[in-house]
């Protein structure tokens, strides 16, 4: 029987994702195209593969039997892509989710490296907070996520990336005549979005040290945080790397209240089931690029050339 590989792959994604719409998003096509492929496959096999329901699609008995075989085909195709195919001619799409902290550091190096190794690869970038990147990864709306991790899910592989130190920063005019600890209670602390781990940890640390007098101004945009700190609205609790240029130019200074927030742990994470050699390759490249960047980058070197406000 001559079965169409595209139809079988479409069947696989409808079965795995539980619906025609999500499969269409995963395969970058339209829902009518997905429906047409499944109908053609059902006609070819002479049996119904899905029960169409309001909330999605459910496999029939023959559909469950077919899925067992198609999963083996998908694994074989992944192995062929990894071991046989010339990556310079592979045409595919990589959906890459990135935390903004990485955008400010080594993301350009990664995109350049992927473009060299996979010149026909389309890279679709999503910049968001880590909690949203995690959700998108688990629903397979992303292939790889560079986020604050690890992601605690048995299907997810987490490759460790360099950590980022977080410090306190302020505009020079805001620091005049005030000690560091007084600044943290007299002005709002501008930092990560409310639904993030760094925000929660910082809030607890400030409350333990200074009581309820501390106020937090959270934002999902680090660029917005930097601008507000530059404008003297408050003290920034931000990764050192994202403010290096501002400190080097004298627009911001680092203040030292005698303690630092926790450093940020990042991972390159991807879902291992189903197998995806492009995701594996991209995550490994991200780890290599990040480690090389860490070696090249004297962490905090620009900061130490400017006086700290202590």
C-alpha atoms as a PDB file:
ATOM      1  CA  UNK A   1       0.000   0.000   0.000  1.00  0.00           C
ATOM      2  CA  UNK A   2       1.406   3.378  -1.077  1.00  0.00           C
ATOM      3  CA  UNK A   3       1.025   5.654   1.948  1.00  0.00           C
ATOM      4  CA  UNK A   4       1.794   9.365   1.827  1.00  0.00           C
ATOM      5  CA  UNK A   5       4.499  10.402   4.322  1.00  0.00           C
ATOM      6  CA  UNK A   6       3.054  13.893   4.730  1.00  0.00           C
ATOM      7  CA  UNK A   7      -0.332  12.401   5.596  1.00  0.00           C
ATOM      8  CA  UNK A   8       1.241  10.079   8.165  1.00  0.00           C
ATOM      9  CA  UNK A   9       3.177  12.949   9.754  1.00  0.00           C
ATOM     10  CA  UNK A  10      -0.015  15.005   9.854  1.00  0.00           C
ATOM     11  CA  UNK A  11      -1.832  12.109  11.514  1.00  0.00           C
ATOM     12  CA  UNK A  12       0.963  11.910  14.093  1.00  0.00           C
ATOM     13  CA  UNK A  13       0.682  15.568  15.092  1.00  0.00           C
ATOM     14  CA  UNK A  14      -3.114  15.548  15.253  1.00  0.00           C
ATOM     15  CA  UNK A  15      -2.896  12.489  17.508  1.00  0.00           C
ATOM     16  CA  UNK A  16      -0.132  13.919  19.709  1.00  0.00           C
ATOM     17  CA  UNK A  17      -1.579  17.416  20.046  1.00  0.00           C
ATOM     18  CA  UNK A  18      -5.213  16.350  20.284  1.00  0.00           C
ATOM     19  CA  UNK A  19      -6.692  18.509  17.584  1.00  0.00           C
ATOM     20  CA  UNK A  20      -6.590  19.720  13.986  1.00  0.00           C
ATOM     21  CA  UNK A  21      -5.997  23.397  14.871  1.00  0.00           C
ATOM     22  CA  UNK A  22      -2.952  22.723  17.034  1.00  0.00           C
ATOM     23  CA  UNK A  23      -1.538  20.359  14.421  1.00  0.00           C
ATOM     24  CA  UNK A  24      -1.975  23.103  11.802  1.00  0.00           C
ATOM     25  CA  UNK A  25      -0.037  25.524  14.004  1.00  0.00           C
ATOM     26  CA  UNK A  26       2.710  22.963  14.580  1.00  0.00           C
ATOM     27  CA  UNK A  27       3.057  22.207  10.866  1.00  0.00           C
ATOM     28  CA  UNK A  28       2.720  25.853   9.769  1.00  0.00           C
ATOM     29  CA  UNK A  29      -0.279  25.205   7.542  1.00  0.00           C
ATOM     30  CA  UNK A  30      -4.043  25.729   7.560  1.00  0.00           C
ATOM     31  CA  UNK A  31      -6.628  23.690   9.421  1.00  0.00           C
ATOM     32  CA  UNK A  32      -8.461  22.799   6.163  1.00  0.00           C
ATOM     33  CA  UNK A  33      -5.184  21.414   4.796  1.00  0.00           C
ATOM     34  CA  UNK A  34      -4.813  19.224   7.899  1.00  0.00           C
ATOM     35  CA  UNK A  35      -8.388  18.002   7.561  1.00  0.00           C
ATOM     36  CA  UNK A  36      -7.884  17.193   3.890  1.00  0.00           C
ATOM     37  CA  UNK A  37      -4.755  15.144   4.621  1.00  0.00           C
ATOM     38  CA  UNK A  38      -6.495  13.139   7.350  1.00  0.00           C
ATOM     39  CA  UNK A  39      -9.531  12.513   5.161  1.00  0.00           C
ATOM     40  CA  UNK A  40      -7.283  11.305   2.341  1.00  0.00           C
ATOM     41  CA  UNK A  41      -5.428   8.990   4.723  1.00  0.00           C
ATOM     42  CA  UNK A  42      -8.699   7.583   6.100  1.00  0.00           C
ATOM     43  CA  UNK A  43      -9.900   6.985   2.541  1.00  0.00           C
ATOM     44  CA  UNK A  44      -6.625   5.245   1.662  1.00  0.00           C
ATOM     45  CA  UNK A  45      -6.856   2.985   4.733  1.00  0.00           C
ATOM     46  CA  UNK A  46     -10.621   2.513   4.499  1.00  0.00           C
ATOM     47  CA  UNK A  47     -11.181   3.277   8.164  1.00  0.00           C
ATOM     48  CA  UNK A  48     -11.936   6.187  10.491  1.00  0.00           C
ATOM     49  CA  UNK A  49      -8.919   7.308  12.528  1.00  0.00           C
ATOM     50  CA  UNK A  50     -10.420  10.065  14.690  1.00  0.00           C
ATOM     51  CA  UNK A  51     -13.652  10.762  16.482  1.00  0.00           C
ATOM     52  CA  UNK A  52     -14.308  14.478  15.899  1.00  0.00           C
ATOM     53  CA  UNK A  53     -15.415  16.169  19.118  1.00  0.00           C
ATOM     54  CA  UNK A  54     -16.154  19.733  20.156  1.00  0.00           C
ATOM     55  CA  UNK A  55     -13.030  19.967  22.292  1.00  0.00           C
ATOM     56  CA  UNK A  56     -10.698  18.265  19.824  1.00  0.00           C
ATOM     57  CA  UNK A  57     -10.159  14.857  18.280  1.00  0.00           C
ATOM     58  CA  UNK A  58      -9.959  11.416  19.851  1.00  0.00           C
ATOM     59  CA  UNK A  59      -8.282   8.381  18.298  1.00  0.00           C
ATOM     60  CA  UNK A  60     -10.429   5.428  17.279  1.00  0.00           C
ATOM     61  CA  UNK A  61      -9.241   1.856  17.767  1.00  0.00           C
ATOM     62  CA  UNK A  62      -7.635   1.714  14.311  1.00  0.00           C
ATOM     63  CA  UNK A  63      -6.162   5.173  14.966  1.00  0.00           C
ATOM     64  CA  UNK A  64      -4.435   3.951  18.129  1.00  0.00           C
ATOM     65  CA  UNK A  65      -3.012   0.986  16.218  1.00  0.00           C
ATOM     66  CA  UNK A  66      -1.725   3.246  13.457  1.00  0.00           C
ATOM     67  CA  UNK A  67      -0.101   5.614  15.969  1.00  0.00           C
ATOM     68  CA  UNK A  68       2.141   2.810  17.267  1.00  0.00           C
ATOM     69  CA  UNK A  69       3.574   2.310  13.765  1.00  0.00           C
ATOM     70  CA  UNK A  70       3.804   6.012  12.917  1.00  0.00           C
ATOM     71  CA  UNK A  71       5.752   6.747  16.121  1.00  0.00           C
ATOM     72  CA  UNK A  72       8.413   4.316  14.879  1.00  0.00           C
ATOM     73  CA  UNK A  73       8.467   6.088  11.502  1.00  0.00           C
ATOM     74  CA  UNK A  74       8.923   9.470  13.195  1.00  0.00           C
ATOM     75  CA  UNK A  75      11.880   8.141  15.203  1.00  0.00           C
ATOM     76  CA  UNK A  76      13.492   6.729  12.063  1.00  0.00           C
ATOM     77  CA  UNK A  77      13.030  10.032  10.199  1.00  0.00           C
ATOM     78  CA  UNK A  78      14.641  11.873  13.108  1.00  0.00           C
ATOM     79  CA  UNK A  79      17.646   9.522  13.029  1.00  0.00           C
ATOM     80  CA  UNK A  80      17.961   9.946   9.257  1.00  0.00           C
ATOM     81  CA  UNK A  81      17.868  13.720   9.625  1.00  0.00           C
ATOM     82  CA  UNK A  82      20.555  13.672  12.311  1.00  0.00           C
ATOM     83  CA  UNK A  83      22.957  11.131  10.825  1.00  0.00           C
ATOM     84  CA  UNK A  84      22.464  11.242   7.049  1.00  0.00           C
ATOM     85  CA  UNK A  85      21.078  14.581   5.918  1.00  0.00           C
ATOM     86  CA  UNK A  86      23.353  17.470   4.945  1.00  0.00           C
ATOM     87  CA  UNK A  87      22.345  20.184   7.402  1.00  0.00           C
ATOM     88  CA  UNK A  88      23.374  22.926   4.995  1.00  0.00           C
ATOM     89  CA  UNK A  89      20.438  22.027   2.716  1.00  0.00           C
ATOM     90  CA  UNK A  90      17.786  21.183   5.321  1.00  0.00           C
ATOM     91  CA  UNK A  91      14.802  23.499   4.955  1.00  0.00           C
ATOM     92  CA  UNK A  92      12.888  23.714   8.211  1.00  0.00           C
ATOM     93  CA  UNK A  93      11.601  26.101  10.856  1.00  0.00           C
ATOM     94  CA  UNK A  94      13.015  26.418  14.360  1.00  0.00           C
ATOM     95  CA  UNK A  95      10.724  28.076  16.891  1.00  0.00           C
ATOM     96  CA  UNK A  96      13.087  29.524  19.459  1.00  0.00           C
ATOM     97  CA  UNK A  97      11.861  31.085  22.707  1.00  0.00           C
ATOM     98  CA  UNK A  98      14.303  33.366  24.516  1.00  0.00           C
ATOM     99  CA  UNK A  99      14.416  35.142  27.861  1.00  0.00           C
ATOM    100  CA  UNK A 100      15.257  38.832  27.481  1.00  0.00           C
ATOM    101  CA  UNK A 101      18.381  38.509  29.632  1.00  0.00           C
ATOM    102  CA  UNK A 102      19.889  36.269  26.950  1.00  0.00           C
ATOM    103  CA  UNK A 103      18.801  38.715  24.244  1.00  0.00           C
ATOM    104  CA  UNK A 104      21.074  41.286  25.925  1.00  0.00           C
ATOM    105  CA  UNK A 105      24.061  38.930  25.972  1.00  0.00           C
ATOM    106  CA  UNK A 106      24.792  36.054  23.563  1.00  0.00           C
ATOM    107  CA  UNK A 107      21.665  35.624  21.423  1.00  0.00           C
ATOM    108  CA  UNK A 108      23.229  37.324  18.355  1.00  0.00           C
ATOM    109  CA  UNK A 109      26.113  34.836  18.511  1.00  0.00           C
ATOM    110  CA  UNK A 110      23.656  31.939  18.634  1.00  0.00           C
ATOM    111  CA  UNK A 111      21.614  33.136  15.658  1.00  0.00           C
ATOM    112  CA  UNK A 112      24.834  33.608  13.665  1.00  0.00           C
ATOM    113  CA  UNK A 113      26.030  30.101  14.593  1.00  0.00           C
ATOM    114  CA  UNK A 114      22.715  28.502  13.623  1.00  0.00           C
ATOM    115  CA  UNK A 115      22.688  30.412  10.371  1.00  0.00           C
ATOM    116  CA  UNK A 116      26.160  29.097   9.545  1.00  0.00           C
ATOM    117  CA  UNK A 117      25.372  25.479  10.358  1.00  0.00           C
ATOM    118  CA  UNK A 118      21.817  25.478   8.918  1.00  0.00           C
ATOM    119  CA  UNK A 119      21.726  28.178   6.208  1.00  0.00           C
ATOM    120  CA  UNK A 120      18.275  27.076   4.988  1.00  0.00           C
ATOM    121  CA  UNK A 121      16.769  27.150   8.478  1.00  0.00           C
ATOM    122  CA  UNK A 122      14.024  29.671   9.261  1.00  0.00           C
ATOM    123  CA  UNK A 123      14.395  30.886  12.855  1.00  0.00           C
ATOM    124  CA  UNK A 124      11.223  32.185  14.495  1.00  0.00           C
ATOM    125  CA  UNK A 125      12.081  34.110  17.679  1.00  0.00           C
ATOM    126  CA  UNK A 126       9.784  34.649  20.640  1.00  0.00           C
ATOM    127  CA  UNK A 127      11.012  36.838  23.510  1.00  0.00           C
ATOM    128  CA  UNK A 128       9.002  36.416  26.705  1.00  0.00           C
ATOM    129  CA  UNK A 129       9.215  35.776  30.430  1.00  0.00           C
ATOM    130  CA  UNK A 130      10.327  32.276  31.397  1.00  0.00           C
ATOM    131  CA  UNK A 131       6.977  31.100  32.760  1.00  0.00           C
ATOM    132  CA  UNK A 132       5.345  31.760  29.386  1.00  0.00           C
ATOM    133  CA  UNK A 133       8.229  30.168  27.507  1.00  0.00           C
ATOM    134  CA  UNK A 134       7.887  27.064  29.678  1.00  0.00           C
ATOM    135  CA  UNK A 135       4.176  26.756  28.898  1.00  0.00           C
ATOM    136  CA  UNK A 136       4.807  27.227  25.176  1.00  0.00           C
ATOM    137  CA  UNK A 137       7.529  24.577  25.232  1.00  0.00           C
ATOM    138  CA  UNK A 138       5.328  22.010  26.985  1.00  0.00           C
ATOM    139  CA  UNK A 139       2.471  22.578  24.535  1.00  0.00           C
ATOM    140  CA  UNK A 140       5.048  22.275  21.725  1.00  0.00           C
ATOM    141  CA  UNK A 141       4.432  25.800  20.470  1.00  0.00           C
ATOM    142  CA  UNK A 142       8.230  26.171  20.790  1.00  0.00           C
ATOM    143  CA  UNK A 143      10.997  23.784  19.764  1.00  0.00           C
ATOM    144  CA  UNK A 144      13.687  25.185  22.091  1.00  0.00           C
ATOM    145  CA  UNK A 145      13.404  27.557  25.040  1.00  0.00           C
ATOM    146  CA  UNK A 146      16.315  29.495  26.537  1.00  0.00           C
ATOM    147  CA  UNK A 147      14.840  30.306  29.905  1.00  0.00           C
ATOM    148  CA  UNK A 148      15.273  30.354  33.644  1.00  0.00           C
ATOM    149  CA  UNK A 149      15.210  26.645  34.329  1.00  0.00           C
ATOM    150  CA  UNK A 150      15.331  23.795  34.600  1.00  0.00           C
ATOM    151  CA  UNK A 151      11.905  22.721  33.397  1.00  0.00           C
ATOM    152  CA  UNK A 152      10.728  19.931  35.683  1.00  0.00           C
ATOM    153  CA  UNK A 153       9.016  17.641  33.207  1.00  0.00           C
ATOM    154  CA  UNK A 154      10.151  14.123  32.339  1.00  0.00           C
ATOM    155  CA  UNK A 155       9.966  14.703  28.576  1.00  0.00           C
ATOM    156  CA  UNK A 156      12.138  17.840  28.714  1.00  0.00           C
ATOM    157  CA  UNK A 157      15.925  17.829  28.345  1.00  0.00           C
ATOM    158  CA  UNK A 158      17.623  20.746  30.145  1.00  0.00           C
ATOM    159  CA  UNK A 159      21.148  21.796  29.149  1.00  0.00           C
ATOM    160  CA  UNK A 160      22.803  24.044  31.712  1.00  0.00           C
ATOM    161  CA  UNK A 161      23.730  27.565  30.609  1.00  0.00           C
ATOM    162  CA  UNK A 162      25.862  30.238  32.343  1.00  0.00           C
ATOM    163  CA  UNK A 163      24.348  31.910  35.385  1.00  0.00           C
ATOM    164  CA  UNK A 164      23.784  35.661  35.612  1.00  0.00           C
ATOM    165  CA  UNK A 165      24.535  37.775  38.660  1.00  0.00           C
ATOM    166  CA  UNK A 166      21.883  40.314  39.671  1.00  0.00           C
ATOM    167  CA  UNK A 167      22.851  43.626  41.264  1.00  0.00           C
ATOM    168  CA  UNK A 168      21.318  46.918  42.360  1.00  0.00           C
ATOM    169  CA  UNK A 169      21.685  49.949  40.092  1.00  0.00           C
ATOM    170  CA  UNK A 170      20.557  53.564  40.147  1.00  0.00           C
ATOM    171  CA  UNK A 171      20.907  56.827  38.293  1.00  0.00           C
ATOM    172  CA  UNK A 172      23.720  58.950  39.805  1.00  0.00           C
ATOM    173  CA  UNK A 173      21.337  61.771  40.729  1.00  0.00           C
ATOM    174  CA  UNK A 174      19.130  59.368  42.699  1.00  0.00           C
ATOM    175  CA  UNK A 175      22.072  58.273  44.852  1.00  0.00           C
ATOM    176  CA  UNK A 176      23.107  61.754  45.993  1.00  0.00           C
ATOM    177  CA  UNK A 177      22.971  62.093  49.771  1.00  0.00           C
ATOM    178  CA  UNK A 178      21.513  58.637  50.457  1.00  0.00           C
ATOM    179  CA  UNK A 179      23.021  55.379  51.661  1.00  0.00           C
ATOM    180  CA  UNK A 180      22.338  52.179  49.719  1.00  0.00           C
ATOM    181  CA  UNK A 181      19.967  50.678  52.275  1.00  0.00           C
ATOM    182  CA  UNK A 182      18.038  53.933  52.607  1.00  0.00           C
ATOM    183  CA  UNK A 183      17.634  54.003  48.841  1.00  0.00           C
ATOM    184  CA  UNK A 184      15.962  50.599  48.841  1.00  0.00           C
ATOM    185  CA  UNK A 185      13.276  51.810  51.225  1.00  0.00           C
ATOM    186  CA  UNK A 186      12.927  55.372  49.943  1.00  0.00           C
ATOM    187  CA  UNK A 187      12.471  54.435  46.284  1.00  0.00           C
ATOM    188  CA  UNK A 188      10.695  51.623  44.424  1.00  0.00           C
ATOM    189  CA  UNK A 189      12.787  48.673  43.309  1.00  0.00           C
ATOM    190  CA  UNK A 190      12.343  48.133  39.568  1.00  0.00           C
ATOM    191  CA  UNK A 191      12.780  44.513  38.563  1.00  0.00           C
ATOM    192  CA  UNK A 192      11.453  41.372  36.884  1.00  0.00           C
ATOM    193  CA  UNK A 193       7.791  40.659  36.137  1.00  0.00           C
ATOM    194  CA  UNK A 194       5.518  39.646  38.984  1.00  0.00           C
ATOM    195  CA  UNK A 195       4.951  36.054  37.837  1.00  0.00           C
ATOM    196  CA  UNK A 196       8.665  35.163  37.807  1.00  0.00           C
ATOM    197  CA  UNK A 197      10.934  33.389  40.283  1.00  0.00           C
ATOM    198  CA  UNK A 198      13.417  36.303  40.604  1.00  0.00           C
ATOM    199  CA  UNK A 199      10.592  38.677  41.505  1.00  0.00           C
ATOM    200  CA  UNK A 200       9.303  36.331  44.189  1.00  0.00           C
ATOM    201  CA  UNK A 201      12.761  35.702  45.672  1.00  0.00           C
ATOM    202  CA  UNK A 202      13.617  39.413  45.674  1.00  0.00           C
ATOM    203  CA  UNK A 203      10.319  40.346  47.305  1.00  0.00           C
ATOM    204  CA  UNK A 204      10.934  37.876  50.136  1.00  0.00           C
ATOM    205  CA  UNK A 205      14.544  39.036  50.610  1.00  0.00           C
ATOM    206  CA  UNK A 206      13.563  42.716  50.772  1.00  0.00           C
ATOM    207  CA  UNK A 207      10.714  41.990  53.174  1.00  0.00           C
ATOM    208  CA  UNK A 208      13.008  40.037  55.499  1.00  0.00           C
ATOM    209  CA  UNK A 209      15.650  42.776  55.546  1.00  0.00           C
ATOM    210  CA  UNK A 210      13.664  45.996  55.438  1.00  0.00           C
ATOM    211  CA  UNK A 211      10.066  45.118  56.202  1.00  0.00           C
ATOM    212  CA  UNK A 212       6.990  46.307  54.302  1.00  0.00           C
ATOM    213  CA  UNK A 213       8.492  49.728  53.518  1.00  0.00           C
ATOM    214  CA  UNK A 214      10.011  48.350  50.287  1.00  0.00           C
ATOM    215  CA  UNK A 215       7.998  48.700  47.102  1.00  0.00           C
ATOM    216  CA  UNK A 216       8.489  46.710  43.908  1.00  0.00           C
ATOM    217  CA  UNK A 217       7.780  47.989  40.402  1.00  0.00           C
ATOM    218  CA  UNK A 218       7.767  44.802  38.273  1.00  0.00           C
ATOM    219  CA  UNK A 219       7.978  44.788  34.483  1.00  0.00           C
ATOM    220  CA  UNK A 220       8.086  42.068  31.840  1.00  0.00           C
ATOM    221  CA  UNK A 221      10.484  44.227  29.799  1.00  0.00           C
ATOM    222  CA  UNK A 222      14.071  44.604  30.968  1.00  0.00           C
ATOM    223  CA  UNK A 223      14.508  47.423  28.473  1.00  0.00           C
ATOM    224  CA  UNK A 224      11.662  49.296  30.154  1.00  0.00           C
ATOM    225  CA  UNK A 225      13.254  48.621  33.553  1.00  0.00           C
ATOM    226  CA  UNK A 226      16.566  50.070  32.410  1.00  0.00           C
ATOM    227  CA  UNK A 227      14.884  53.198  31.054  1.00  0.00           C
ATOM    228  CA  UNK A 228      12.950  53.779  34.292  1.00  0.00           C
ATOM    229  CA  UNK A 229      16.125  53.371  36.354  1.00  0.00           C
ATOM    230  CA  UNK A 230      17.968  55.790  34.056  1.00  0.00           C
ATOM    231  CA  UNK A 231      15.165  58.303  34.532  1.00  0.00           C
ATOM    232  CA  UNK A 232      15.592  58.146  38.314  1.00  0.00           C
ATOM    233  CA  UNK A 233      12.233  56.543  39.059  1.00  0.00           C
ATOM    234  CA  UNK A 234      13.748  53.919  41.340  1.00  0.00           C
ATOM    235  CA  UNK A 235      16.531  51.442  42.025  1.00  0.00           C
ATOM    236  CA  UNK A 236      16.952  48.626  39.522  1.00  0.00           C
ATOM    237  CA  UNK A 237      17.483  45.020  40.614  1.00  0.00           C
ATOM    238  CA  UNK A 238      18.750  43.745  37.272  1.00  0.00           C
ATOM    239  CA  UNK A 239      21.252  41.312  35.744  1.00  0.00           C
ATOM    240  CA  UNK A 240      24.692  42.920  35.580  1.00  0.00           C
ATOM    241  CA  UNK A 241      25.085  42.072  31.910  1.00  0.00           C
ATOM    242  CA  UNK A 242      22.055  44.062  30.745  1.00  0.00           C
ATOM    243  CA  UNK A 243      23.298  47.346  32.271  1.00  0.00           C
ATOM    244  CA  UNK A 244      27.012  47.118  31.456  1.00  0.00           C
ATOM    245  CA  UNK A 245      26.801  49.716  28.698  1.00  0.00           C
ATOM    246  CA  UNK A 246      24.794  52.088  30.889  1.00  0.00           C
ATOM    247  CA  UNK A 247      27.318  51.785  33.729  1.00  0.00           C
ATOM    248  CA  UNK A 248      30.275  52.200  31.386  1.00  0.00           C
ATOM    249  CA  UNK A 249      28.727  55.414  30.052  1.00  0.00           C
ATOM    250  CA  UNK A 250      28.113  56.736  33.573  1.00  0.00           C
ATOM    251  CA  UNK A 251      24.348  56.786  33.178  1.00  0.00           C
ATOM    252  CA  UNK A 252      23.957  54.225  35.976  1.00  0.00           C
ATOM    253  CA  UNK A 253      26.011  53.256  38.994  1.00  0.00           C
ATOM    254  CA  UNK A 254      25.936  50.097  41.048  1.00  0.00           C
ATOM    255  CA  UNK A 255      24.979  50.392  44.697  1.00  0.00           C
ATOM    256  CA  UNK A 256      26.014  47.925  47.380  1.00  0.00           C
ATOM    257  CA  UNK A 257      23.677  47.418  50.343  1.00  0.00           C
ATOM    258  CA  UNK A 258      25.867  44.572  51.621  1.00  0.00           C
ATOM    259  CA  UNK A 259      24.014  41.735  49.941  1.00  0.00           C
ATOM    260  CA  UNK A 260      22.993  40.639  46.438  1.00  0.00           C
ATOM    261  CA  UNK A 261      19.897  38.947  45.035  1.00  0.00           C
ATOM    262  CA  UNK A 262      20.217  35.331  43.954  1.00  0.00           C
ATOM    263  CA  UNK A 263      21.925  34.721  40.630  1.00  0.00           C
ATOM    264  CA  UNK A 264      19.798  33.498  37.732  1.00  0.00           C
ATOM    265  CA  UNK A 265      20.089  29.915  36.442  1.00  0.00           C
ATOM    266  CA  UNK A 266      19.275  29.342  32.767  1.00  0.00           C
ATOM    267  CA  UNK A 267      18.839  26.254  30.609  1.00  0.00           C
ATOM    268  CA  UNK A 268      18.467  25.423  26.942  1.00  0.00           C
ATOM    269  CA  UNK A 269      15.411  23.187  27.118  1.00  0.00           C
ATOM    270  CA  UNK A 270      13.645  21.059  24.535  1.00  0.00           C
ATOM    271  CA  UNK A 271      11.064  18.269  24.483  1.00  0.00           C
ATOM    272  CA  UNK A 272      12.617  14.887  23.737  1.00  0.00           C
ATOM    273  CA  UNK A 273       9.368  13.083  22.914  1.00  0.00           C
ATOM    274  CA  UNK A 274       8.727  13.236  20.015  1.00  0.00           C
ATOM    275  CA  UNK A 275      12.375  13.265  18.932  1.00  0.00           C
ATOM    276  CA  UNK A 276      13.507  16.386  17.088  1.00  0.00           C
ATOM    277  CA  UNK A 277      17.109  16.429  15.931  1.00  0.00           C
ATOM    278  CA  UNK A 278      16.931  20.123  14.966  1.00  0.00           C
ATOM    279  CA  UNK A 279      15.848  21.021  18.507  1.00  0.00           C
ATOM    280  CA  UNK A 280      18.633  18.867  19.964  1.00  0.00           C
ATOM    281  CA  UNK A 281      21.168  20.422  17.629  1.00  0.00           C
ATOM    282  CA  UNK A 282      20.016  23.970  18.382  1.00  0.00           C
ATOM    283  CA  UNK A 283      20.050  23.398  22.164  1.00  0.00           C
ATOM    284  CA  UNK A 284      23.563  21.949  22.035  1.00  0.00           C
ATOM    285  CA  UNK A 285      24.712  24.850  19.873  1.00  0.00           C
ATOM    286  CA  UNK A 286      23.174  27.264  22.390  1.00  0.00           C
ATOM    287  CA  UNK A 287      25.108  25.633  25.217  1.00  0.00           C
ATOM    288  CA  UNK A 288      28.376  25.787  23.255  1.00  0.00           C
ATOM    289  CA  UNK A 289      27.840  29.418  22.247  1.00  0.00           C
ATOM    290  CA  UNK A 290      26.896  30.435  25.795  1.00  0.00           C
ATOM    291  CA  UNK A 291      29.971  28.787  27.281  1.00  0.00           C
ATOM    292  CA  UNK A 292      32.214  30.442  24.690  1.00  0.00           C
ATOM    293  CA  UNK A 293      30.582  33.799  25.410  1.00  0.00           C
ATOM    294  CA  UNK A 294      31.122  33.286  29.136  1.00  0.00           C
ATOM    295  CA  UNK A 295      34.790  32.544  28.513  1.00  0.00           C
ATOM    296  CA  UNK A 296      35.240  35.598  26.311  1.00  0.00           C
ATOM    297  CA  UNK A 297      33.247  37.903  28.509  1.00  0.00           C
ATOM    298  CA  UNK A 298      34.884  39.117  31.701  1.00  0.00           C
ATOM    299  CA  UNK A 299      31.711  39.108  33.736  1.00  0.00           C
ATOM    300  CA  UNK A 300      31.209  42.530  35.253  1.00  0.00           C
ATOM    301  CA  UNK A 301      34.422  43.958  33.759  1.00  0.00           C
ATOM    302  CA  UNK A 302      32.717  47.111  32.568  1.00  0.00           C
ATOM    303  CA  UNK A 303      31.068  47.545  35.942  1.00  0.00           C
ATOM    304  CA  UNK A 304      34.349  47.452  37.848  1.00  0.00           C
ATOM    305  CA  UNK A 305      35.711  50.313  35.774  1.00  0.00           C
ATOM    306  CA  UNK A 306      33.073  52.582  37.343  1.00  0.00           C
ATOM    307  CA  UNK A 307      32.774  53.520  40.957  1.00  0.00           C
ATOM    308  CA  UNK A 308      30.230  51.696  43.122  1.00  0.00           C
ATOM    309  CA  UNK A 309      28.036  53.697  45.453  1.00  0.00           C
ATOM    310  CA  UNK A 310      28.647  52.064  48.844  1.00  0.00           C
END
